[in-house]
Amino acid sequence: MKFIVSVLLTAFLAYVICLFLPWWCFAFTSLIVAIAIPQKPWIAFAAGFTALFLFWGIYAFGLNNANNHILSQKVAAILPLGGSSFAILLLSAFIGAIISGFAALTGSYVVQNNVEIKSTRVPPGGAKLNKESYFGNK
């Protein structure tokens, strides 16, 4: 259930933020969703990847249809894709998905490391470090 919520929330927030900010700002939404909905790192990566692959692919397909595939065919002719507009859409969706997946993975690691840090805190007035204990017994 967390996976589906993460995918839908990441895709929705990416859509909203891309209306107002540059295209790369969707990485922040993936990071925030991964922090807000804690999951195992590989599941967080998969959620971010899936959300942006679907969102970016559908969004690019809609934009591509709006201009009769003119721009995507010209870009695909420049790249070694054989002039396929569908290949450029898949490549675009894959690049966005990788960025989102790694942002979600980072968010998951932030949550995981934050929990570990909280569990090893020294209480106020607790152990004090001296030179020997910090650098080892020399």
Protein backbone atom coordinates (compact mmCIF):
# COMPACT_ATOMS: atom_id res chain seq x y z
CA MET A 1 0.00 0.00 0.00
CA LYS A 2 2.86 2.36 0.81
CA PHE A 3 4.35 1.67 -2.61
CA ILE A 4 1.18 2.65 -4.47
CA VAL A 5 0.70 5.78 -2.35
CA SER A 6 4.34 6.74 -2.95
CA VAL A 7 4.02 6.26 -6.70
CA LEU A 8 0.81 8.28 -6.96
CA LEU A 9 2.00 11.05 -4.65
CA THR A 10 5.37 11.33 -6.38
CA ALA A 11 3.76 11.52 -9.82
CA PHE A 12 1.18 14.07 -8.69
CA LEU A 13 3.70 16.31 -6.94
CA ALA A 14 6.07 16.06 -9.91
CA TYR A 15 3.28 17.23 -12.19
CA VAL A 16 2.40 20.15 -9.92
CA ILE A 17 5.98 21.28 -9.37
CA CYS A 18 6.82 21.04 -13.08
CA LEU A 19 4.07 23.55 -13.79
CA PHE A 20 5.88 26.27 -11.84
CA LEU A 21 9.56 25.32 -11.61
CA PRO A 22 12.21 23.90 -13.97
CA TRP A 23 11.95 20.30 -15.12
CA TRP A 24 14.61 18.97 -12.75
CA CYS A 25 12.73 20.06 -9.60
CA PHE A 26 10.75 16.81 -9.59
CA ALA A 27 13.78 15.27 -7.87
CA PHE A 28 12.89 17.25 -4.75
CA THR A 29 9.38 15.83 -4.75
CA SER A 30 10.76 12.30 -4.97
CA LEU A 31 13.12 13.03 -2.08
CA ILE A 32 10.35 14.53 0.07
CA VAL A 33 7.93 11.67 -0.60
CA ALA A 34 10.62 9.11 0.27
CA ILE A 35 11.28 10.93 3.54
CA ALA A 36 7.57 11.30 4.35
CA ILE A 37 6.72 7.66 3.55
CA PRO A 38 9.59 5.54 4.90
CA GLN A 39 10.31 2.37 2.95
CA LYS A 40 13.24 0.07 2.33
CA PRO A 41 15.80 1.71 0.02
CA TRP A 42 15.20 -0.53 -3.00
CA ILE A 43 11.42 -0.12 -2.69
CA ALA A 44 11.79 3.65 -2.45
CA PHE A 45 13.96 3.59 -5.58
CA ALA A 46 11.38 1.47 -7.40
CA ALA A 47 8.55 3.79 -6.34
CA GLY A 48 10.38 6.90 -7.52
CA PHE A 49 11.46 5.21 -10.73
CA THR A 50 7.99 3.88 -11.54
CA ALA A 51 6.24 7.17 -10.73
CA LEU A 52 8.42 9.29 -12.95
CA PHE A 53 8.70 6.75 -15.75
CA LEU A 54 4.92 6.65 -16.03
CA PHE A 55 4.39 10.38 -15.47
CA TRP A 56 7.21 11.55 -17.73
CA GLY A 57 6.33 9.04 -20.45
CA ILE A 58 2.63 9.98 -20.49
CA TYR A 59 3.40 13.70 -20.26
CA ALA A 60 5.97 13.54 -23.08
CA PHE A 61 3.58 11.45 -25.18
CA GLY A 62 0.88 14.10 -24.75
CA LEU A 63 3.24 16.92 -25.70
CA ASN A 64 4.53 14.88 -28.62
CA ASN A 65 1.03 14.31 -29.96
CA ALA A 66 0.21 18.00 -29.59
CA ASN A 67 2.88 18.97 -32.14
CA ASN A 68 2.41 15.97 -34.48
CA HIS A 69 5.74 14.37 -33.49
CA ILE A 70 7.75 17.08 -35.25
CA LEU A 71 10.23 17.91 -32.49
CA SER A 72 10.76 14.35 -31.27
CA GLN A 73 11.51 13.13 -34.81
CA LYS A 74 14.08 15.89 -35.31
CA VAL A 75 15.77 15.16 -31.98
CA ALA A 76 15.70 11.43 -32.66
CA ALA A 77 17.38 12.08 -36.03
CA ILE A 78 20.26 13.84 -34.26
CA LEU A 79 20.73 11.03 -31.73
CA PRO A 80 21.55 7.47 -32.78
CA LEU A 81 17.93 6.32 -32.43
CA GLY A 82 17.11 5.76 -36.07
CA GLY A 83 14.70 8.70 -36.18
CA SER A 84 12.19 6.97 -33.88
CA SER A 85 10.08 9.45 -31.94
CA PHE A 86 8.91 6.63 -29.66
CA ALA A 87 12.54 5.83 -28.74
CA ILE A 88 13.20 9.44 -27.73
CA LEU A 89 10.09 9.37 -25.51
CA LEU A 90 11.27 6.17 -23.82
CA LEU A 91 14.76 7.59 -23.37
CA SER A 92 13.36 10.77 -21.87
CA ALA A 93 11.11 8.82 -19.50
CA PHE A 94 14.03 6.56 -18.50
CA ILE A 95 16.32 9.51 -17.71
CA GLY A 96 13.64 11.16 -15.58
CA ALA A 97 12.93 7.85 -13.85
CA ILE A 98 16.60 7.29 -12.98
CA ILE A 99 16.88 10.79 -11.50
CA SER A 100 13.69 10.31 -9.49
CA GLY A 101 14.71 6.83 -8.35
CA PHE A 102 18.04 8.05 -7.02
CA ALA A 103 16.36 11.01 -5.30
CA ALA A 104 13.94 8.63 -3.59
CA LEU A 105 16.82 6.33 -2.67
CA THR A 106 18.59 9.30 -1.09
CA GLY A 107 15.45 10.15 0.88
CA SER A 108 15.20 6.58 2.10
CA TYR A 109 18.82 6.61 3.24
CA VAL A 110 18.26 9.94 5.01
CA VAL A 111 15.40 8.40 6.98
CA GLN A 112 17.39 5.22 7.68
CA ASN A 113 20.46 7.11 8.90
CA ASN A 114 18.41 9.59 10.90
CA VAL A 115 16.83 6.73 12.86
CA GLU A 116 20.27 5.29 13.57
CA ILE A 117 21.61 8.65 14.71
CA LYS A 118 18.67 9.20 17.06
CA SER A 119 19.18 5.79 18.63
CA THR A 120 22.86 6.46 19.42
CA ARG A 121 22.55 9.94 20.93
CA VAL A 122 24.38 10.68 24.14
CA PRO A 123 22.09 12.05 26.86
CA PRO A 124 22.66 15.64 28.04
CA GLY A 125 25.54 15.77 30.49
CA GLY A 126 26.59 12.31 29.30
CA ALA A 127 29.99 11.06 28.19
CA LYS A 128 32.55 13.70 27.32
CA LEU A 129 35.26 13.13 24.80
CA ASN A 130 38.87 13.63 25.64
CA LYS A 131 41.86 13.38 23.36
CA GLU A 132 42.56 9.73 24.20
CA SER A 133 39.02 8.48 23.73
CA TYR A 134 38.58 10.42 20.50
CA PHE A 135 41.79 9.36 18.79
CA GLY A 136 42.08 5.97 20.43
CA ASN A 137 44.37 4.82 23.22
CA LYS A 138 47.89 5.94 22.31
